[in-house]
Amino acid sequence: MTATAQKQDVIDLLLNQHTEIKSLFAQVKAAKNGEQKQQAFQQLVRLLAIHESAEEEVVHPAARDDASDAVVDARLHEENEAKHVLSDLYDLGVDAPGFDAKFAEFEQAVVAHATHEEQDEFPALRRNTDPKTLRRMAGAIRAAEAIAPTRPHPAAGESPVANMLAGPPLAIFDRMRDAVRDWRQAHKG
């Protein structure tokens, strides 16, 4: 881990990821061909899946004390809806009719969700949590992301306990599927 990563707190880490997510949305929309679009979409799916799993395990439980149960419950509801839509989009495929329209609606919902976190949840965390704890939370996010699934699994639940129990086995399965997919793509011929 770099010195910069050690100094980065959880809010800065998540804000950077929000920026990366928005960039990936733009890459999917700007892709010139199906292969580019598929690759950008796969990167987006992976980042959203690990990002939301880690937030559910680390950030939302802490934010219950700092923001409120209502704020956290609203974010969890948004994330659960997003998992279902992302799973549907993944199953649909980037070349399917209707993908672009559904993807545009999904992008709006994800950006609105990120805005709610940035306005309602993160300021309360920063105000009420000491900087050392916020830095430790960033480390916990990185650890949670390392073992998080790389695809949405809406049926797995949205609680921290569900993520900790179901996440690692699903992550192994997802990462095996990713490796096979990547190997097949590299050996097309």
N, C-alpha and C. Protein backbone atom coordinates (compact mmCIF):
# COMPACT_ATOMS: atom_id res chain seq x y z
N MET A 1 0.84 -1.17 0.00
CA MET A 1 0.00 0.00 0.00
C MET A 1 0.89 1.24 0.00
N THR A 2 0.54 2.21 -0.80
CA THR A 2 1.34 3.43 -0.89
C THR A 2 1.09 4.33 0.31
N ALA A 3 1.99 5.28 0.50
CA ALA A 3 1.83 6.24 1.59
C ALA A 3 0.56 7.06 1.39
N THR A 4 0.24 7.39 0.15
CA THR A 4 -0.98 8.14 -0.15
C THR A 4 -2.20 7.33 0.25
N ALA A 5 -2.21 6.03 -0.07
CA ALA A 5 -3.33 5.17 0.29
C ALA A 5 -3.48 5.08 1.80
N GLN A 6 -2.36 5.07 2.53
CA GLN A 6 -2.44 4.99 3.99
C GLN A 6 -3.03 6.27 4.58
N LYS A 7 -2.82 7.40 3.93
CA LYS A 7 -3.33 8.67 4.43
C LYS A 7 -4.77 8.92 4.00
N GLN A 8 -5.21 8.21 2.96
CA GLN A 8 -6.54 8.42 2.42
C GLN A 8 -7.59 7.90 3.40
N ASP A 9 -8.62 8.70 3.64
CA ASP A 9 -9.68 8.21 4.51
C ASP A 9 -10.79 7.59 3.68
N VAL A 10 -11.75 6.98 4.35
CA VAL A 10 -12.80 6.24 3.67
C VAL A 10 -13.64 7.13 2.76
N ILE A 11 -13.87 8.35 3.17
CA ILE A 11 -14.70 9.24 2.35
C ILE A 11 -13.97 9.62 1.07
N ASP A 12 -12.69 9.95 1.17
CA ASP A 12 -11.91 10.26 -0.03
C ASP A 12 -11.85 9.06 -0.96
N LEU A 13 -11.66 7.86 -0.41
CA LEU A 13 -11.62 6.64 -1.21
C LEU A 13 -12.94 6.45 -1.96
N LEU A 14 -14.06 6.60 -1.26
CA LEU A 14 -15.36 6.40 -1.91
C LEU A 14 -15.67 7.50 -2.92
N LEU A 15 -15.27 8.72 -2.62
CA LEU A 15 -15.47 9.81 -3.60
C LEU A 15 -14.68 9.53 -4.87
N ASN A 16 -13.45 9.03 -4.73
CA ASN A 16 -12.65 8.67 -5.91
C ASN A 16 -13.34 7.56 -6.70
N GLN A 17 -13.90 6.59 -5.99
CA GLN A 17 -14.60 5.51 -6.68
C GLN A 17 -15.86 6.02 -7.37
N HIS A 18 -16.56 6.96 -6.76
CA HIS A 18 -17.73 7.55 -7.41
C HIS A 18 -17.33 8.21 -8.73
N THR A 19 -16.20 8.89 -8.72
CA THR A 19 -15.70 9.52 -9.94
C THR A 19 -15.36 8.46 -10.99
N GLU A 20 -14.72 7.39 -10.56
CA GLU A 20 -14.38 6.30 -11.47
C GLU A 20 -15.63 5.65 -12.05
N ILE A 21 -16.66 5.46 -11.23
CA ILE A 21 -17.92 4.88 -11.69
C ILE A 21 -18.55 5.78 -12.76
N LYS A 22 -18.58 7.08 -12.51
CA LYS A 22 -19.14 8.01 -13.50
C LYS A 22 -18.35 7.96 -14.80
N SER A 23 -17.03 7.84 -14.71
CA SER A 23 -16.18 7.73 -15.89
C SER A 23 -16.49 6.45 -16.67
N LEU A 24 -16.72 5.36 -15.96
CA LEU A 24 -17.04 4.09 -16.64
C LEU A 24 -18.40 4.16 -17.32
N PHE A 25 -19.36 4.85 -16.71
CA PHE A 25 -20.65 5.06 -17.38
C PHE A 25 -20.42 5.77 -18.72
N ALA A 26 -19.58 6.80 -18.70
CA ALA A 26 -19.29 7.56 -19.93
C ALA A 26 -18.59 6.67 -20.95
N GLN A 27 -17.68 5.82 -20.51
CA GLN A 27 -16.98 4.92 -21.43
C GLN A 27 -17.92 3.93 -22.10
N VAL A 28 -18.87 3.40 -21.33
CA VAL A 28 -19.85 2.47 -21.91
C VAL A 28 -20.66 3.19 -22.99
N LYS A 29 -21.12 4.39 -22.68
CA LYS A 29 -21.95 5.14 -23.64
C LYS A 29 -21.15 5.57 -24.87
N ALA A 30 -19.86 5.83 -24.72
CA ALA A 30 -19.04 6.33 -25.82
C ALA A 30 -18.39 5.22 -26.65
N ALA A 31 -18.51 3.98 -26.21
CA ALA A 31 -17.84 2.86 -26.89
C ALA A 31 -18.26 2.81 -28.36
N LYS A 32 -17.27 2.61 -29.23
CA LYS A 32 -17.49 2.62 -30.67
C LYS A 32 -17.97 1.27 -31.21
N ASN A 33 -17.66 0.20 -30.48
CA ASN A 33 -18.11 -1.12 -30.95
C ASN A 33 -18.55 -1.96 -29.76
N GLY A 34 -19.14 -3.11 -30.07
CA GLY A 34 -19.67 -3.98 -29.03
C GLY A 34 -18.62 -4.49 -28.07
N GLU A 35 -17.43 -4.79 -28.58
CA GLU A 35 -16.37 -5.31 -27.72
C GLU A 35 -15.90 -4.25 -26.71
N GLN A 36 -15.69 -3.02 -27.18
CA GLN A 36 -15.30 -1.94 -26.27
C GLN A 36 -16.39 -1.69 -25.23
N LYS A 37 -17.62 -1.70 -25.69
CA LYS A 37 -18.76 -1.47 -24.80
C LYS A 37 -18.84 -2.58 -23.75
N GLN A 38 -18.65 -3.82 -24.18
CA GLN A 38 -18.70 -4.96 -23.26
C GLN A 38 -17.59 -4.86 -22.22
N GLN A 39 -16.38 -4.52 -22.65
CA GLN A 39 -15.27 -4.41 -21.70
C GLN A 39 -15.51 -3.31 -20.68
N ALA A 40 -15.98 -2.15 -21.15
CA ALA A 40 -16.25 -1.05 -20.22
C ALA A 40 -17.39 -1.42 -19.27
N PHE A 41 -18.40 -2.10 -19.79
CA PHE A 41 -19.52 -2.52 -18.95
C PHE A 41 -19.06 -3.53 -17.91
N GLN A 42 -18.21 -4.47 -18.28
CA GLN A 42 -17.70 -5.45 -17.32
C GLN A 42 -16.91 -4.76 -16.20
N GLN A 43 -16.12 -3.75 -16.57
CA GLN A 43 -15.38 -3.00 -15.54
C GLN A 43 -16.34 -2.28 -14.60
N LEU A 44 -17.40 -1.70 -15.17
CA LEU A 44 -18.39 -1.00 -14.36
C LEU A 44 -19.11 -1.97 -13.43
N VAL A 45 -19.53 -3.11 -13.95
CA VAL A 45 -20.22 -4.12 -13.13
C VAL A 45 -19.33 -4.52 -11.96
N ARG A 46 -18.07 -4.80 -12.25
CA ARG A 46 -17.14 -5.23 -11.20
C ARG A 46 -16.98 -4.15 -10.13
N LEU A 47 -16.74 -2.91 -10.55
CA LEU A 47 -16.53 -1.84 -9.58
C LEU A 47 -17.79 -1.60 -8.76
N LEU A 48 -18.95 -1.56 -9.40
CA LEU A 48 -20.19 -1.34 -8.64
C LEU A 48 -20.44 -2.47 -7.65
N ALA A 49 -20.20 -3.70 -8.07
CA ALA A 49 -20.46 -4.84 -7.18
C ALA A 49 -19.56 -4.79 -5.94
N ILE A 50 -18.27 -4.57 -6.14
CA ILE A 50 -17.36 -4.56 -4.98
C ILE A 50 -17.56 -3.30 -4.13
N HIS A 51 -17.83 -2.18 -4.78
CA HIS A 51 -18.03 -0.91 -4.09
C HIS A 51 -19.23 -1.00 -3.15
N GLU A 52 -20.35 -1.46 -3.68
CA GLU A 52 -21.58 -1.51 -2.88
C GLU A 52 -21.48 -2.55 -1.77
N SER A 53 -20.86 -3.69 -2.05
CA SER A 53 -20.68 -4.70 -1.00
C SER A 53 -19.87 -4.14 0.16
N ALA A 54 -18.79 -3.47 -0.16
CA ALA A 54 -17.92 -2.91 0.87
C ALA A 54 -18.63 -1.80 1.66
N GLU A 55 -19.39 -0.96 0.96
CA GLU A 55 -20.15 0.07 1.67
C GLU A 55 -21.13 -0.55 2.66
N GLU A 56 -21.80 -1.62 2.21
CA GLU A 56 -22.78 -2.27 3.08
C GLU A 56 -22.12 -2.88 4.31
N GLU A 57 -20.90 -3.34 4.19
CA GLU A 57 -20.20 -3.96 5.31
C GLU A 57 -19.56 -2.96 6.26
N VAL A 58 -19.05 -1.85 5.71
CA VAL A 58 -18.22 -0.95 6.51
C VAL A 58 -18.89 0.41 6.75
N VAL A 59 -19.31 1.06 5.69
CA VAL A 59 -19.74 2.45 5.80
C VAL A 59 -21.14 2.59 6.40
N HIS A 60 -22.09 1.85 5.86
CA HIS A 60 -23.46 2.03 6.32
C HIS A 60 -23.65 1.71 7.80
N PRO A 61 -23.03 0.65 8.33
CA PRO A 61 -23.18 0.44 9.78
C PRO A 61 -22.64 1.62 10.61
N ALA A 62 -21.52 2.17 10.20
CA ALA A 62 -20.96 3.33 10.91
C ALA A 62 -21.84 4.56 10.75
N ALA A 63 -22.42 4.72 9.57
CA ALA A 63 -23.24 5.90 9.30
C ALA A 63 -24.56 5.88 10.08
N ARG A 64 -25.00 4.71 10.50
CA ARG A 64 -26.24 4.65 11.29
C ARG A 64 -26.10 5.51 12.55
N ASP A 65 -24.92 5.50 13.14
CA ASP A 65 -24.68 6.30 14.34
C ASP A 65 -24.54 7.77 14.01
N ASP A 66 -24.00 8.08 12.82
CA ASP A 66 -23.66 9.46 12.50
C ASP A 66 -24.73 10.18 11.67
N ALA A 67 -25.31 9.51 10.70
CA ALA A 67 -26.32 10.14 9.85
C ALA A 67 -27.69 9.85 10.47
N SER A 68 -28.22 8.67 10.24
CA SER A 68 -29.45 8.19 10.88
C SER A 68 -29.85 6.88 10.23
N ASP A 69 -30.72 6.16 10.91
CA ASP A 69 -31.23 4.92 10.33
C ASP A 69 -31.98 5.20 9.04
N ALA A 70 -32.74 6.28 9.01
CA ALA A 70 -33.53 6.61 7.82
C ALA A 70 -32.64 6.87 6.61
N VAL A 71 -31.56 7.59 6.81
CA VAL A 71 -30.63 7.88 5.71
C VAL A 71 -30.00 6.58 5.21
N VAL A 72 -29.53 5.75 6.12
CA VAL A 72 -28.88 4.49 5.73
C VAL A 72 -29.88 3.55 5.08
N ASP A 73 -31.07 3.45 5.64
CA ASP A 73 -32.09 2.56 5.05
C ASP A 73 -32.44 2.99 3.63
N ALA A 74 -32.50 4.29 3.39
CA ALA A 74 -32.78 4.79 2.03
C ALA A 74 -31.65 4.41 1.08
N ARG A 75 -30.39 4.53 1.53
CA ARG A 75 -29.26 4.14 0.67
C ARG A 75 -29.27 2.65 0.40
N LEU A 76 -29.57 1.84 1.41
CA LEU A 76 -29.63 0.39 1.21
C LEU A 76 -30.74 0.01 0.23
N HIS A 77 -31.86 0.69 0.31
CA HIS A 77 -32.95 0.44 -0.62
C HIS A 77 -32.51 0.76 -2.05
N GLU A 78 -31.85 1.90 -2.21
CA GLU A 78 -31.34 2.28 -3.55
C GLU A 78 -30.34 1.23 -4.06
N GLU A 79 -29.46 0.78 -3.19
CA GLU A 79 -28.45 -0.21 -3.59
C GLU A 79 -29.09 -1.54 -3.96
N ASN A 80 -30.10 -1.93 -3.22
CA ASN A 80 -30.79 -3.18 -3.54
C ASN A 80 -31.47 -3.09 -4.90
N GLU A 81 -32.14 -1.98 -5.16
CA GLU A 81 -32.76 -1.78 -6.48
C GLU A 81 -31.69 -1.80 -7.57
N ALA A 82 -30.56 -1.16 -7.32
CA ALA A 82 -29.49 -1.10 -8.32
C ALA A 82 -28.94 -2.49 -8.61
N LYS A 83 -28.80 -3.33 -7.58
CA LYS A 83 -28.32 -4.70 -7.80
C LYS A 83 -29.23 -5.45 -8.75
N HIS A 84 -30.53 -5.28 -8.57
CA HIS A 84 -31.49 -5.97 -9.44
C HIS A 84 -31.38 -5.48 -10.88
N VAL A 85 -31.31 -4.17 -11.05
CA VAL A 85 -31.22 -3.61 -12.41
C VAL A 85 -29.89 -3.98 -13.05
N LEU A 86 -28.81 -3.91 -12.29
CA LEU A 86 -27.50 -4.26 -12.84
C LEU A 86 -27.47 -5.73 -13.24
N SER A 87 -28.07 -6.58 -12.44
CA SER A 87 -28.15 -7.99 -12.77
C SER A 87 -28.96 -8.20 -14.06
N ASP A 88 -30.06 -7.47 -14.19
CA ASP A 88 -30.88 -7.54 -15.41
C ASP A 88 -30.08 -7.07 -16.62
N LEU A 89 -29.36 -5.96 -16.48
CA LEU A 89 -28.55 -5.44 -17.59
C LEU A 89 -27.46 -6.44 -17.97
N TYR A 90 -26.84 -7.05 -16.98
CA TYR A 90 -25.79 -8.03 -17.23
C TYR A 90 -26.35 -9.20 -18.02
N ASP A 91 -27.52 -9.69 -17.59
CA ASP A 91 -28.16 -10.81 -18.29
C ASP A 91 -28.61 -10.41 -19.69
N LEU A 92 -29.05 -9.18 -19.85
CA LEU A 92 -29.53 -8.67 -21.14
C LEU A 92 -28.40 -8.61 -22.16
N GLY A 93 -27.25 -8.09 -21.75
CA GLY A 93 -26.11 -7.93 -22.65
C GLY A 93 -26.11 -6.59 -23.35
N VAL A 94 -24.93 -6.07 -23.62
CA VAL A 94 -24.78 -4.71 -24.15
C VAL A 94 -25.31 -4.55 -25.58
N ASP A 95 -25.44 -5.65 -26.30
CA ASP A 95 -25.91 -5.57 -27.69
C ASP A 95 -27.41 -5.77 -27.83
N ALA A 96 -28.09 -6.05 -26.74
CA ALA A 96 -29.52 -6.33 -26.79
C ALA A 96 -30.33 -5.07 -27.05
N PRO A 97 -31.42 -5.20 -27.78
CA PRO A 97 -32.33 -4.05 -27.94
C PRO A 97 -32.83 -3.64 -26.55
N GLY A 98 -32.89 -2.38 -26.30
CA GLY A 98 -33.36 -1.88 -25.02
C GLY A 98 -32.27 -1.70 -23.98
N PHE A 99 -31.08 -2.22 -24.24
CA PHE A 99 -30.00 -2.08 -23.26
C PHE A 99 -29.69 -0.61 -23.01
N ASP A 100 -29.51 0.17 -24.07
CA ASP A 100 -29.08 1.56 -23.90
C ASP A 100 -30.08 2.39 -23.10
N ALA A 101 -31.37 2.20 -23.36
CA ALA A 101 -32.39 2.96 -22.62
C ALA A 101 -32.39 2.56 -21.15
N LYS A 102 -32.34 1.27 -20.88
CA LYS A 102 -32.33 0.80 -19.50
C LYS A 102 -31.03 1.23 -18.80
N PHE A 103 -29.93 1.21 -19.54
CA PHE A 103 -28.64 1.62 -19.00
C PHE A 103 -28.68 3.11 -18.62
N ALA A 104 -29.30 3.94 -19.46
CA ALA A 104 -29.39 5.38 -19.17
C ALA A 104 -30.19 5.63 -17.89
N GLU A 105 -31.28 4.91 -17.71
CA GLU A 105 -32.07 5.04 -16.48
C GLU A 105 -31.26 4.59 -15.27
N PHE A 106 -30.53 3.49 -15.45
CA PHE A 106 -29.68 2.96 -14.38
C PHE A 106 -28.61 3.98 -13.99
N GLU A 107 -27.99 4.59 -14.99
CA GLU A 107 -26.96 5.59 -14.71
C GLU A 107 -27.54 6.73 -13.87
N GLN A 108 -28.71 7.22 -14.24
CA GLN A 108 -29.33 8.31 -13.47
C GLN A 108 -29.56 7.90 -12.01
N ALA A 109 -30.04 6.66 -11.80
CA ALA A 109 -30.30 6.19 -10.45
C ALA A 109 -29.00 6.06 -9.65
N VAL A 110 -27.94 5.56 -10.27
CA VAL A 110 -26.66 5.39 -9.57
C VAL A 110 -26.05 6.74 -9.23
N VAL A 111 -26.11 7.68 -10.14
CA VAL A 111 -25.56 9.02 -9.88
C VAL A 111 -26.37 9.70 -8.77
N ALA A 112 -27.69 9.54 -8.78
CA ALA A 112 -28.52 10.11 -7.71
C ALA A 112 -28.16 9.47 -6.37
N HIS A 113 -27.94 8.16 -6.38
CA HIS A 113 -27.55 7.45 -5.16
C HIS A 113 -26.21 7.99 -4.62
N ALA A 114 -25.24 8.13 -5.51
CA ALA A 114 -23.93 8.65 -5.10
C ALA A 114 -24.08 10.07 -4.53
N THR A 115 -24.92 10.88 -5.15
CA THR A 115 -25.15 12.24 -4.67
C THR A 115 -25.76 12.21 -3.27
N HIS A 116 -26.72 11.30 -3.04
CA HIS A 116 -27.30 11.19 -1.69
C HIS A 116 -26.25 10.81 -0.66
N GLU A 117 -25.39 9.86 -1.02
CA GLU A 117 -24.31 9.49 -0.08
C GLU A 117 -23.42 10.69 0.20
N GLU A 118 -23.04 11.40 -0.85
CA GLU A 118 -22.11 12.52 -0.72
C GLU A 118 -22.72 13.68 0.07
N GLN A 119 -24.03 13.84 0.00
CA GLN A 119 -24.67 14.96 0.69
C GLN A 119 -25.22 14.59 2.07
N ASP A 120 -25.69 13.35 2.23
CA ASP A 120 -26.38 12.98 3.46
C ASP A 120 -25.53 12.13 4.41
N GLU A 121 -24.77 11.22 3.84
CA GLU A 121 -24.07 10.23 4.67
C GLU A 121 -22.63 10.65 4.97
N PHE A 122 -21.88 10.99 3.93
CA PHE A 122 -20.46 11.28 4.11
C PHE A 122 -20.18 12.48 5.01
N PRO A 123 -20.93 13.60 4.87
CA PRO A 123 -20.64 14.73 5.77
C PRO A 123 -20.86 14.37 7.24
N ALA A 124 -21.88 13.57 7.53
CA ALA A 124 -22.12 13.17 8.93
C ALA A 124 -20.97 12.29 9.43
N LEU A 125 -20.49 11.39 8.59
CA LEU A 125 -19.35 10.56 8.98
C LEU A 125 -18.12 11.42 9.26
N ARG A 126 -17.85 12.37 8.36
CA ARG A 126 -16.66 13.20 8.53
C ARG A 126 -16.77 14.06 9.80
N ARG A 127 -17.95 14.56 10.06
CA ARG A 127 -18.18 15.41 11.23
C ARG A 127 -18.05 14.65 12.54
N ASN A 128 -18.52 13.42 12.56
CA ASN A 128 -18.66 12.70 13.82
C ASN A 128 -17.66 11.56 14.04
N THR A 129 -16.74 11.37 13.11
CA THR A 129 -15.78 10.28 13.23
C THR A 129 -14.38 10.86 13.17
N ASP A 130 -13.53 10.43 14.08
CA ASP A 130 -12.17 10.99 14.11
C ASP A 130 -11.38 10.54 12.87
N PRO A 131 -10.42 11.36 12.43
CA PRO A 131 -9.67 11.07 11.21
C PRO A 131 -8.96 9.72 11.21
N LYS A 132 -8.45 9.31 12.34
CA LYS A 132 -7.76 8.01 12.40
C LYS A 132 -8.73 6.87 12.10
N THR A 133 -9.93 6.95 12.63
CA THR A 133 -10.95 5.92 12.37
C THR A 133 -11.36 5.94 10.90
N LEU A 134 -11.50 7.13 10.33
CA LEU A 134 -11.85 7.22 8.91
C LEU A 134 -10.76 6.58 8.03
N ARG A 135 -9.49 6.73 8.40
CA ARG A 135 -8.40 6.09 7.66
C ARG A 135 -8.45 4.57 7.83
N ARG A 136 -8.74 4.13 9.06
CA ARG A 136 -8.86 2.67 9.28
C ARG A 136 -10.04 2.11 8.50
N MET A 137 -11.11 2.87 8.40
CA MET A 137 -12.27 2.42 7.61
C MET A 137 -11.90 2.26 6.14
N ALA A 138 -11.01 3.12 5.64
CA ALA A 138 -10.56 2.97 4.25
C ALA A 138 -9.85 1.64 4.08
N GLY A 139 -9.04 1.25 5.05
CA GLY A 139 -8.38 -0.05 5.00
C GLY A 139 -9.39 -1.18 5.05
N ALA A 140 -10.42 -1.02 5.86
CA ALA A 140 -11.47 -2.04 5.94
C ALA A 140 -12.23 -2.14 4.61
N ILE A 141 -12.44 -1.01 3.96
CA ILE A 141 -13.10 -1.02 2.64
C ILE A 141 -12.23 -1.80 1.65
N ARG A 142 -10.94 -1.51 1.64
CA ARG A 142 -10.04 -2.21 0.69
C ARG A 142 -10.06 -3.72 0.95
N ALA A 143 -10.05 -4.11 2.22
CA ALA A 143 -10.09 -5.54 2.55
C ALA A 143 -11.42 -6.16 2.12
N ALA A 144 -12.52 -5.47 2.37
CA ALA A 144 -13.84 -5.98 1.98
C ALA A 144 -13.94 -6.11 0.46
N GLU A 145 -13.39 -5.15 -0.25
CA GLU A 145 -13.43 -5.19 -1.72
C GLU A 145 -12.59 -6.34 -2.27
N ALA A 146 -11.51 -6.68 -1.58
CA ALA A 146 -10.64 -7.76 -2.05
C ALA A 146 -11.34 -9.11 -2.05
N ILE A 147 -12.36 -9.27 -1.19
CA ILE A 147 -13.07 -10.55 -1.13
C ILE A 147 -14.54 -10.42 -1.53
N ALA A 148 -14.89 -9.30 -2.15
CA ALA A 148 -16.28 -9.07 -2.56
C ALA A 148 -16.57 -9.72 -3.91
N PRO A 149 -17.83 -10.10 -4.13
CA PRO A 149 -18.21 -10.60 -5.45
C PRO A 149 -17.98 -9.53 -6.51
N THR A 150 -17.76 -9.98 -7.75
CA THR A 150 -17.50 -9.05 -8.86
C THR A 150 -18.73 -8.87 -9.74
N ARG A 151 -19.84 -9.44 -9.33
CA ARG A 151 -21.13 -9.29 -10.02
C ARG A 151 -22.19 -9.05 -8.96
N PRO A 152 -23.30 -8.44 -9.38
CA PRO A 152 -24.38 -8.26 -8.40
C PRO A 152 -25.07 -9.59 -8.12
N HIS A 153 -25.41 -9.79 -6.87
CA HIS A 153 -26.15 -10.98 -6.44
C HIS A 153 -27.31 -10.51 -5.57
N PRO A 154 -28.38 -10.02 -6.20
CA PRO A 154 -29.47 -9.44 -5.42
C PRO A 154 -30.10 -10.40 -4.42
N ALA A 155 -30.09 -11.68 -4.71
CA ALA A 155 -30.71 -12.65 -3.80
C ALA A 155 -29.88 -12.88 -2.54
N ALA A 156 -28.64 -12.42 -2.54
CA ALA A 156 -27.76 -12.65 -1.39
C ALA A 156 -28.09 -11.74 -0.20
N GLY A 157 -28.86 -10.70 -0.42
CA GLY A 157 -29.22 -9.80 0.67
C GLY A 157 -28.32 -8.58 0.69
N GLU A 158 -28.65 -7.66 1.59
CA GLU A 158 -27.92 -6.40 1.63
C GLU A 158 -27.39 -6.05 3.01
N SER A 159 -27.45 -6.97 3.92
CA SER A 159 -26.95 -6.68 5.27
C SER A 159 -25.45 -6.96 5.35
N PRO A 160 -24.77 -6.35 6.30
CA PRO A 160 -23.34 -6.66 6.47
C PRO A 160 -23.10 -8.14 6.73
N VAL A 161 -23.96 -8.77 7.52
CA VAL A 161 -23.79 -10.19 7.83
C VAL A 161 -23.96 -11.03 6.56
N ALA A 162 -24.99 -10.72 5.77
CA ALA A 162 -25.20 -11.46 4.52
C ALA A 162 -24.00 -11.30 3.59
N ASN A 163 -23.46 -10.10 3.50
CA ASN A 163 -22.28 -9.87 2.65
C ASN A 163 -21.07 -10.64 3.16
N MET A 164 -20.89 -10.69 4.46
CA MET A 164 -19.72 -11.39 5.00
C MET A 164 -19.84 -12.91 4.85
N LEU A 165 -21.07 -13.42 4.96
CA LEU A 165 -21.26 -14.86 4.83
C LEU A 165 -21.30 -15.32 3.38
N ALA A 166 -22.07 -14.62 2.55
CA ALA A 166 -22.24 -15.04 1.16
C ALA A 166 -21.16 -14.47 0.25
N GLY A 167 -20.61 -13.32 0.61
CA GLY A 167 -19.67 -12.62 -0.27
C GLY A 167 -18.46 -13.42 -0.69
N PRO A 168 -17.67 -13.98 0.24
CA PRO A 168 -16.46 -14.70 -0.18
C PRO A 168 -16.72 -15.89 -1.11
N PRO A 169 -17.70 -16.78 -0.83
CA PRO A 169 -17.93 -17.86 -1.79
C PRO A 169 -18.40 -17.36 -3.15
N LEU A 170 -19.27 -16.34 -3.15
CA LEU A 170 -19.72 -15.77 -4.42
C LEU A 170 -18.55 -15.11 -5.15
N ALA A 171 -17.67 -14.47 -4.40
CA ALA A 171 -16.51 -13.82 -5.02
C ALA A 171 -15.61 -14.85 -5.69
N ILE A 172 -15.39 -15.98 -5.04
CA ILE A 172 -14.56 -17.03 -5.66
C ILE A 172 -15.20 -17.49 -6.96
N PHE A 173 -16.49 -17.75 -6.92
CA PHE A 173 -17.21 -18.18 -8.12
C PHE A 173 -17.12 -17.11 -9.21
N ASP A 174 -17.39 -15.85 -8.85
CA ASP A 174 -17.33 -14.75 -9.83
C ASP A 174 -15.94 -14.63 -10.44
N ARG A 175 -14.93 -14.68 -9.61
CA ARG A 175 -13.56 -14.49 -10.11
C ARG A 175 -13.12 -15.66 -10.98
N MET A 176 -13.61 -16.86 -10.69
CA MET A 176 -13.34 -17.99 -11.58
C MET A 176 -14.01 -17.77 -12.93
N ARG A 177 -15.27 -17.34 -12.91
CA ARG A 177 -15.98 -17.06 -14.17
C ARG A 177 -15.29 -15.94 -14.94
N ASP A 178 -14.82 -14.92 -14.23
CA ASP A 178 -14.10 -13.82 -14.88
C ASP A 178 -12.83 -14.33 -15.55
N ALA A 179 -12.09 -15.20 -14.85
CA ALA A 179 -10.84 -15.72 -15.39
C ALA A 179 -11.10 -16.56 -16.64
N VAL A 180 -12.13 -17.40 -16.60
CA VAL A 180 -12.47 -18.21 -17.78
C VAL A 180 -12.90 -17.31 -18.94
N ARG A 181 -13.74 -16.33 -18.66
CA ARG A 181 -14.19 -15.39 -19.70
C ARG A 181 -12.99 -14.67 -20.31
N ASP A 182 -12.09 -14.17 -19.46
CA ASP A 182 -10.93 -13.44 -19.96
C ASP A 182 -10.02 -14.35 -20.79
N TRP A 183 -9.85 -15.60 -20.34
CA TRP A 183 -9.02 -16.55 -21.09
C TRP A 183 -9.64 -16.82 -22.45
N ARG A 184 -10.97 -17.01 -22.49
CA ARG A 184 -11.65 -17.26 -23.77
C ARG A 184 -11.48 -16.08 -24.72
N GLN A 185 -11.63 -14.88 -24.18
CA GLN A 185 -11.50 -13.69 -25.02
C GLN A 185 -10.08 -13.55 -25.54
N ALA A 186 -9.10 -13.89 -24.73
CA ALA A 186 -7.70 -13.78 -25.14
C ALA A 186 -7.33 -14.85 -26.17
N HIS A 187 -8.07 -15.95 -26.21
CA HIS A 187 -7.73 -17.07 -27.10
C HIS A 187 -8.77 -17.28 -28.19
N LYS A 188 -9.50 -16.24 -28.53
CA LYS A 188 -10.43 -16.34 -29.66
C LYS A 188 -9.60 -16.53 -30.93
N GLY A 189 -10.11 -17.32 -31.78
CA GLY A 189 -9.27 -17.39 -32.93
C GLY A 189 -9.70 -18.27 -33.96
